Amino acid sequence: MSLSNLHLSTTNLRRVLALDAISGAGAAVLHLAFAGSLATWFGLSEGLITAAGWALLAYVALSTILARQVMPARGPLMVLIIGNVVWGIGCLAIAWAGDSGVTALGQAYLTVLAVAVLALADLEFLGWRAPAARLAV
């Protein structure tokens, strides 16, 4: 089996999308409910954490819609994948931008978040690559 043949079944893709939605909802609630505390602990602005929480809610809506579809639509799925990649790279950039004021705890949180989000993007991409006959266009 070569790497070019790797893909997820539709059922497994829907499970990954559901996991993405659940974890995103948890992060959104965390960011919105505890923005002030998180800002202090992580060395990030409260506005950034709050904005991330609201953005996550929109993201959760899309991933939930896709997870509930019998065959997730390829276009919106790619939007989700690109969003995950951009989010992951953004987390790493903020965490390791040098003299940004991010605390060690903030760097750890952002790095773990980036790894998780990039792993989800990879799994979703494997589902996106599945034969077009199995996924809606």
N, C-alpha and C. Protein backbone atom coordinates (compact mmCIF):
# COMPACT_ATOMS: atom_id res chain seq x y z
N MET A 1 0.85 -1.19 0.00
CA MET A 1 0.00 0.00 0.00
C MET A 1 0.88 1.24 0.00
N SER A 2 0.64 2.12 -0.91
CA SER A 2 1.42 3.36 -0.96
C SER A 2 0.65 4.48 -0.27
N LEU A 3 1.38 5.52 0.08
CA LEU A 3 0.75 6.66 0.75
C LEU A 3 -0.30 7.33 -0.12
N SER A 4 -0.14 7.25 -1.43
CA SER A 4 -1.10 7.90 -2.32
C SER A 4 -2.45 7.20 -2.30
N ASN A 5 -2.51 5.98 -1.77
CA ASN A 5 -3.77 5.25 -1.70
C ASN A 5 -4.47 5.39 -0.35
N LEU A 6 -3.87 6.09 0.59
CA LEU A 6 -4.48 6.25 1.90
C LEU A 6 -5.70 7.16 1.83
N HIS A 7 -6.77 6.74 2.44
CA HIS A 7 -7.95 7.58 2.58
C HIS A 7 -8.82 7.02 3.69
N LEU A 8 -9.77 7.82 4.17
CA LEU A 8 -10.71 7.40 5.21
C LEU A 8 -12.02 7.02 4.57
N SER A 9 -12.69 6.06 5.16
CA SER A 9 -14.05 5.75 4.73
C SER A 9 -14.95 6.93 5.12
N THR A 10 -16.10 7.01 4.49
CA THR A 10 -17.04 8.08 4.80
C THR A 10 -17.46 8.02 6.28
N THR A 11 -17.67 6.82 6.79
CA THR A 11 -18.06 6.67 8.20
C THR A 11 -16.97 7.22 9.12
N ASN A 12 -15.72 6.87 8.84
CA ASN A 12 -14.63 7.37 9.68
C ASN A 12 -14.43 8.87 9.51
N LEU A 13 -14.62 9.38 8.30
CA LEU A 13 -14.53 10.82 8.09
C LEU A 13 -15.59 11.53 8.92
N ARG A 14 -16.79 11.02 8.93
CA ARG A 14 -17.86 11.64 9.72
C ARG A 14 -17.54 11.59 11.21
N ARG A 15 -16.88 10.54 11.66
CA ARG A 15 -16.46 10.46 13.07
C ARG A 15 -15.40 11.50 13.38
N VAL A 16 -14.46 11.68 12.48
CA VAL A 16 -13.42 12.69 12.68
C VAL A 16 -14.05 14.08 12.71
N LEU A 17 -14.99 14.33 11.81
CA LEU A 17 -15.68 15.63 11.79
C LEU A 17 -16.46 15.86 13.08
N ALA A 18 -17.08 14.81 13.60
CA ALA A 18 -17.81 14.94 14.88
C ALA A 18 -16.84 15.24 16.02
N LEU A 19 -15.71 14.55 16.04
CA LEU A 19 -14.69 14.81 17.05
C LEU A 19 -14.18 16.25 16.94
N ASP A 20 -13.99 16.71 15.72
CA ASP A 20 -13.56 18.08 15.48
C ASP A 20 -14.59 19.07 16.02
N ALA A 21 -15.86 18.80 15.77
CA ALA A 21 -16.92 19.69 16.25
C ALA A 21 -16.99 19.70 17.78
N ILE A 22 -16.89 18.54 18.40
CA ILE A 22 -16.97 18.45 19.86
C ILE A 22 -15.78 19.14 20.51
N SER A 23 -14.58 18.88 20.00
CA SER A 23 -13.39 19.51 20.59
C SER A 23 -13.41 21.02 20.34
N GLY A 24 -13.88 21.44 19.17
CA GLY A 24 -14.00 22.87 18.88
C GLY A 24 -15.00 23.56 19.79
N ALA A 25 -16.12 22.88 20.07
CA ALA A 25 -17.12 23.45 20.97
C ALA A 25 -16.55 23.60 22.39
N GLY A 26 -15.81 22.60 22.82
CA GLY A 26 -15.18 22.68 24.14
C GLY A 26 -14.20 23.84 24.23
N ALA A 27 -13.39 23.99 23.18
CA ALA A 27 -12.42 25.09 23.16
C ALA A 27 -13.14 26.44 23.12
N ALA A 28 -14.22 26.53 22.33
CA ALA A 28 -14.97 27.79 22.24
C ALA A 28 -15.53 28.19 23.60
N VAL A 29 -16.14 27.23 24.30
CA VAL A 29 -16.69 27.51 25.62
C VAL A 29 -15.58 27.94 26.58
N LEU A 30 -14.47 27.23 26.54
CA LEU A 30 -13.32 27.58 27.38
C LEU A 30 -12.85 29.00 27.10
N HIS A 31 -12.69 29.35 25.83
CA HIS A 31 -12.19 30.67 25.45
C HIS A 31 -13.17 31.78 25.83
N LEU A 32 -14.46 31.53 25.63
CA LEU A 32 -15.45 32.57 25.91
C LEU A 32 -15.73 32.72 27.40
N ALA A 33 -15.75 31.63 28.12
CA ALA A 33 -16.09 31.69 29.54
C ALA A 33 -14.93 32.14 30.42
N PHE A 34 -13.72 31.85 30.00
CA PHE A 34 -12.56 32.13 30.85
C PHE A 34 -11.50 32.99 30.14
N ALA A 35 -11.94 33.87 29.26
CA ALA A 35 -11.00 34.68 28.47
C ALA A 35 -10.04 35.48 29.35
N GLY A 36 -10.55 36.08 30.39
CA GLY A 36 -9.70 36.89 31.27
C GLY A 36 -8.62 36.07 31.95
N SER A 37 -9.00 34.95 32.52
CA SER A 37 -8.04 34.08 33.20
C SER A 37 -7.03 33.51 32.21
N LEU A 38 -7.53 33.04 31.06
CA LEU A 38 -6.63 32.47 30.06
C LEU A 38 -5.64 33.52 29.56
N ALA A 39 -6.11 34.74 29.39
CA ALA A 39 -5.21 35.81 28.93
C ALA A 39 -4.05 35.99 29.90
N THR A 40 -4.35 35.98 31.17
CA THR A 40 -3.31 36.12 32.19
C THR A 40 -2.36 34.93 32.19
N TRP A 41 -2.91 33.74 32.18
CA TRP A 41 -2.09 32.53 32.24
C TRP A 41 -1.23 32.33 31.00
N PHE A 42 -1.79 32.67 29.83
CA PHE A 42 -1.10 32.40 28.57
C PHE A 42 -0.29 33.57 28.03
N GLY A 43 -0.47 34.76 28.60
CA GLY A 43 0.25 35.92 28.09
C GLY A 43 -0.29 36.39 26.75
N LEU A 44 -1.58 36.18 26.53
CA LEU A 44 -2.24 36.61 25.29
C LEU A 44 -3.28 37.66 25.64
N SER A 45 -3.73 38.41 24.65
CA SER A 45 -4.74 39.43 24.93
C SER A 45 -6.11 38.78 25.10
N GLU A 46 -6.91 39.35 25.97
CA GLU A 46 -8.25 38.85 26.20
C GLU A 46 -9.09 38.94 24.93
N GLY A 47 -8.86 40.00 24.16
CA GLY A 47 -9.58 40.17 22.89
C GLY A 47 -9.28 39.06 21.90
N LEU A 48 -8.02 38.65 21.83
CA LEU A 48 -7.64 37.57 20.92
C LEU A 48 -8.31 36.26 21.34
N ILE A 49 -8.32 35.98 22.63
CA ILE A 49 -8.92 34.73 23.12
C ILE A 49 -10.43 34.74 22.89
N THR A 50 -11.07 35.88 23.12
CA THR A 50 -12.52 35.99 22.89
C THR A 50 -12.84 35.85 21.40
N ALA A 51 -12.07 36.52 20.56
CA ALA A 51 -12.28 36.42 19.11
C ALA A 51 -12.10 34.98 18.64
N ALA A 52 -11.12 34.29 19.19
CA ALA A 52 -10.90 32.88 18.83
C ALA A 52 -12.11 32.04 19.25
N GLY A 53 -12.68 32.34 20.40
CA GLY A 53 -13.86 31.61 20.85
C GLY A 53 -15.04 31.77 19.91
N TRP A 54 -15.28 33.00 19.46
CA TRP A 54 -16.38 33.23 18.51
C TRP A 54 -16.10 32.59 17.16
N ALA A 55 -14.86 32.67 16.70
CA ALA A 55 -14.50 32.03 15.43
C ALA A 55 -14.69 30.52 15.51
N LEU A 56 -14.35 29.96 16.67
CA LEU A 56 -14.52 28.52 16.85
C LEU A 56 -16.00 28.11 16.77
N LEU A 57 -16.89 28.95 17.24
CA LEU A 57 -18.31 28.62 17.16
C LEU A 57 -18.77 28.51 15.70
N ALA A 58 -18.30 29.41 14.85
CA ALA A 58 -18.64 29.32 13.42
C ALA A 58 -18.05 28.05 12.81
N TYR A 59 -16.84 27.75 13.21
CA TYR A 59 -16.15 26.55 12.74
C TYR A 59 -16.90 25.29 13.19
N VAL A 60 -17.36 25.28 14.43
CA VAL A 60 -18.11 24.14 14.98
C VAL A 60 -19.39 23.93 14.19
N ALA A 61 -20.04 25.02 13.81
CA ALA A 61 -21.28 24.90 13.03
C ALA A 61 -21.01 24.17 11.71
N LEU A 62 -19.94 24.56 11.01
CA LEU A 62 -19.62 23.92 9.73
C LEU A 62 -19.24 22.46 9.92
N SER A 63 -18.40 22.17 10.90
CA SER A 63 -17.98 20.78 11.10
C SER A 63 -19.16 19.91 11.54
N THR A 64 -20.10 20.47 12.30
CA THR A 64 -21.29 19.72 12.70
C THR A 64 -22.17 19.41 11.50
N ILE A 65 -22.36 20.40 10.65
CA ILE A 65 -23.17 20.18 9.44
C ILE A 65 -22.55 19.08 8.59
N LEU A 66 -21.24 19.14 8.40
CA LEU A 66 -20.56 18.12 7.58
C LEU A 66 -20.62 16.75 8.23
N ALA A 67 -20.48 16.69 9.54
CA ALA A 67 -20.51 15.40 10.24
C ALA A 67 -21.88 14.74 10.14
N ARG A 68 -22.92 15.54 10.02
CA ARG A 68 -24.28 15.00 9.97
C ARG A 68 -24.70 14.61 8.55
N GLN A 69 -23.93 14.99 7.55
CA GLN A 69 -24.27 14.64 6.17
C GLN A 69 -23.91 13.18 5.91
N VAL A 70 -24.75 12.50 5.15
CA VAL A 70 -24.45 11.11 4.80
C VAL A 70 -23.14 11.04 4.03
N MET A 71 -22.96 11.97 3.11
CA MET A 71 -21.70 12.09 2.36
C MET A 71 -21.27 13.55 2.43
N PRO A 72 -20.29 13.88 3.27
CA PRO A 72 -19.86 15.28 3.42
C PRO A 72 -19.46 15.91 2.08
N ALA A 73 -19.94 17.11 1.86
CA ALA A 73 -19.65 17.83 0.62
C ALA A 73 -18.16 18.19 0.56
N ARG A 74 -17.54 17.98 -0.59
CA ARG A 74 -16.10 18.17 -0.74
C ARG A 74 -15.66 19.63 -0.61
N GLY A 75 -16.43 20.56 -1.18
CA GLY A 75 -16.05 21.97 -1.12
C GLY A 75 -15.98 22.50 0.31
N PRO A 76 -17.07 22.39 1.06
CA PRO A 76 -17.03 22.83 2.46
C PRO A 76 -16.01 22.06 3.29
N LEU A 77 -15.81 20.78 2.98
CA LEU A 77 -14.81 19.99 3.70
C LEU A 77 -13.42 20.57 3.47
N MET A 78 -13.12 20.98 2.25
CA MET A 78 -11.81 21.58 1.98
C MET A 78 -11.67 22.92 2.71
N VAL A 79 -12.75 23.69 2.81
CA VAL A 79 -12.71 24.94 3.57
C VAL A 79 -12.34 24.64 5.03
N LEU A 80 -12.92 23.59 5.58
CA LEU A 80 -12.63 23.18 6.95
C LEU A 80 -11.17 22.76 7.09
N ILE A 81 -10.67 22.01 6.14
CA ILE A 81 -9.28 21.54 6.17
C ILE A 81 -8.33 22.72 6.12
N ILE A 82 -8.56 23.63 5.20
CA ILE A 82 -7.70 24.82 5.08
C ILE A 82 -7.78 25.65 6.35
N GLY A 83 -8.97 25.79 6.90
CA GLY A 83 -9.12 26.52 8.17
C GLY A 83 -8.31 25.89 9.29
N ASN A 84 -8.31 24.57 9.37
CA ASN A 84 -7.52 23.88 10.38
C ASN A 84 -6.02 24.12 10.18
N VAL A 85 -5.57 24.05 8.95
CA VAL A 85 -4.14 24.26 8.68
C VAL A 85 -3.73 25.69 9.04
N VAL A 86 -4.53 26.65 8.63
CA VAL A 86 -4.23 28.05 8.95
C VAL A 86 -4.25 28.28 10.46
N TRP A 87 -5.24 27.70 11.14
CA TRP A 87 -5.35 27.83 12.60
C TRP A 87 -4.13 27.23 13.27
N GLY A 88 -3.72 26.04 12.84
CA GLY A 88 -2.55 25.39 13.43
C GLY A 88 -1.27 26.18 13.23
N ILE A 89 -1.06 26.65 12.02
CA ILE A 89 0.13 27.45 11.74
C ILE A 89 0.09 28.77 12.52
N GLY A 90 -1.09 29.36 12.62
CA GLY A 90 -1.24 30.59 13.40
C GLY A 90 -0.91 30.38 14.86
N CYS A 91 -1.37 29.27 15.42
CA CYS A 91 -1.05 28.96 16.83
C CYS A 91 0.46 28.84 17.03
N LEU A 92 1.12 28.14 16.12
CA LEU A 92 2.57 27.99 16.23
C LEU A 92 3.28 29.33 16.08
N ALA A 93 2.81 30.16 15.16
CA ALA A 93 3.43 31.46 14.95
C ALA A 93 3.29 32.35 16.19
N ILE A 94 2.11 32.34 16.79
CA ILE A 94 1.90 33.13 18.00
C ILE A 94 2.74 32.60 19.16
N ALA A 95 2.77 31.27 19.28
CA ALA A 95 3.50 30.65 20.40
C ALA A 95 5.00 30.90 20.33
N TRP A 96 5.56 30.89 19.14
CA TRP A 96 7.01 30.91 19.01
C TRP A 96 7.52 32.14 18.26
N ALA A 97 6.78 33.25 18.34
CA ALA A 97 7.13 34.48 17.60
C ALA A 97 8.25 35.28 18.25
N GLY A 98 8.93 34.71 19.20
CA GLY A 98 10.03 35.44 19.82
C GLY A 98 9.56 36.22 21.02
N ASP A 99 9.73 37.52 20.98
CA ASP A 99 9.43 38.37 22.13
C ASP A 99 7.97 38.83 22.12
N SER A 100 7.03 37.87 22.10
CA SER A 100 5.61 38.21 22.00
C SER A 100 4.92 38.30 23.35
N GLY A 101 5.61 37.93 24.43
CA GLY A 101 5.01 37.99 25.76
C GLY A 101 4.21 36.75 26.12
N VAL A 102 4.16 35.76 25.25
CA VAL A 102 3.44 34.52 25.54
C VAL A 102 4.20 33.77 26.63
N THR A 103 3.48 33.31 27.64
CA THR A 103 4.10 32.58 28.75
C THR A 103 4.45 31.16 28.31
N ALA A 104 5.22 30.47 29.13
CA ALA A 104 5.56 29.07 28.84
C ALA A 104 4.29 28.22 28.78
N LEU A 105 3.34 28.49 29.67
CA LEU A 105 2.07 27.77 29.64
C LEU A 105 1.32 28.08 28.34
N GLY A 106 1.36 29.33 27.91
CA GLY A 106 0.73 29.72 26.66
C GLY A 106 1.37 29.03 25.46
N GLN A 107 2.69 28.94 25.48
CA GLN A 107 3.39 28.24 24.40
C GLN A 107 3.01 26.77 24.37
N ALA A 108 2.93 26.15 25.53
CA ALA A 108 2.54 24.74 25.60
C ALA A 108 1.12 24.55 25.09
N TYR A 109 0.19 25.40 25.53
CA TYR A 109 -1.20 25.29 25.12
C TYR A 109 -1.33 25.46 23.60
N LEU A 110 -0.70 26.51 23.08
CA LEU A 110 -0.80 26.77 21.64
C LEU A 110 -0.14 25.67 20.81
N THR A 111 0.95 25.10 21.31
CA THR A 111 1.63 24.04 20.58
C THR A 111 0.79 22.76 20.56
N VAL A 112 0.23 22.40 21.71
CA VAL A 112 -0.64 21.22 21.77
C VAL A 112 -1.87 21.43 20.89
N LEU A 113 -2.44 22.62 20.95
CA LEU A 113 -3.60 22.95 20.11
C LEU A 113 -3.24 22.83 18.63
N ALA A 114 -2.08 23.34 18.25
CA ALA A 114 -1.65 23.27 16.85
C ALA A 114 -1.47 21.82 16.39
N VAL A 115 -0.85 21.01 17.21
CA VAL A 115 -0.64 19.60 16.85
C VAL A 115 -1.99 18.89 16.67
N ALA A 116 -2.91 19.14 17.59
CA ALA A 116 -4.24 18.50 17.50
C ALA A 116 -4.99 18.95 16.25
N VAL A 117 -4.96 20.25 15.99
CA VAL A 117 -5.69 20.80 14.84
C VAL A 117 -5.07 20.32 13.53
N LEU A 118 -3.76 20.25 13.47
CA LEU A 118 -3.10 19.78 12.25
C LEU A 118 -3.33 18.28 12.05
N ALA A 119 -3.43 17.52 13.12
CA ALA A 119 -3.75 16.09 13.01
C ALA A 119 -5.18 15.91 12.47
N LEU A 120 -6.11 16.72 12.96
CA LEU A 120 -7.47 16.66 12.45
C LEU A 120 -7.51 17.04 10.97
N ALA A 121 -6.76 18.06 10.60
CA ALA A 121 -6.71 18.47 9.19
C ALA A 121 -6.19 17.33 8.32
N ASP A 122 -5.18 16.63 8.81
CA ASP A 122 -4.61 15.52 8.05
C ASP A 122 -5.65 14.41 7.87
N LEU A 123 -6.33 14.05 8.94
CA LEU A 123 -7.36 13.00 8.85
C LEU A 123 -8.50 13.43 7.93
N GLU A 124 -8.91 14.67 8.04
CA GLU A 124 -9.98 15.17 7.16
C GLU A 124 -9.53 15.18 5.71
N PHE A 125 -8.27 15.49 5.47
CA PHE A 125 -7.75 15.47 4.11
C PHE A 125 -7.77 14.05 3.54
N LEU A 126 -7.45 13.07 4.38
CA LEU A 126 -7.52 11.69 3.92
C LEU A 126 -8.95 11.32 3.53
N GLY A 127 -9.92 11.87 4.24
CA GLY A 127 -11.32 11.66 3.86
C GLY A 127 -11.68 12.41 2.60
N TRP A 128 -11.15 13.60 2.44
CA TRP A 128 -11.42 14.40 1.24
C TRP A 128 -10.86 13.71 0.00
N ARG A 129 -9.72 13.04 0.17
CA ARG A 129 -9.08 12.36 -0.96
C ARG A 129 -9.79 11.09 -1.39
N ALA A 130 -10.76 10.65 -0.62
CA ALA A 130 -11.47 9.43 -0.95
C ALA A 130 -12.06 9.55 -2.35
N PRO A 131 -12.28 8.44 -2.99
CA PRO A 131 -12.87 8.49 -4.34
C PRO A 131 -14.11 9.37 -4.37
N ALA A 132 -14.19 10.20 -5.39
CA ALA A 132 -15.27 11.18 -5.51
C ALA A 132 -16.66 10.53 -5.48
N ALA A 133 -16.75 9.29 -5.89
CA ALA A 133 -18.05 8.61 -5.90
C ALA A 133 -18.60 8.46 -4.48
N ARG A 134 -17.72 8.47 -3.47
CA ARG A 134 -18.17 8.29 -2.09
C ARG A 134 -18.49 9.61 -1.41
N LEU A 135 -18.01 10.71 -1.95
CA LEU A 135 -18.26 12.00 -1.33
C LEU A 135 -19.08 12.88 -2.26
N ALA A 136 -19.95 13.67 -1.69
CA ALA A 136 -20.75 14.59 -2.49
C ALA A 136 -19.85 15.65 -3.09
N VAL A 137 -20.23 16.15 -4.25
CA VAL A 137 -19.45 17.17 -4.92
C VAL A 137 -19.93 18.53 -4.58
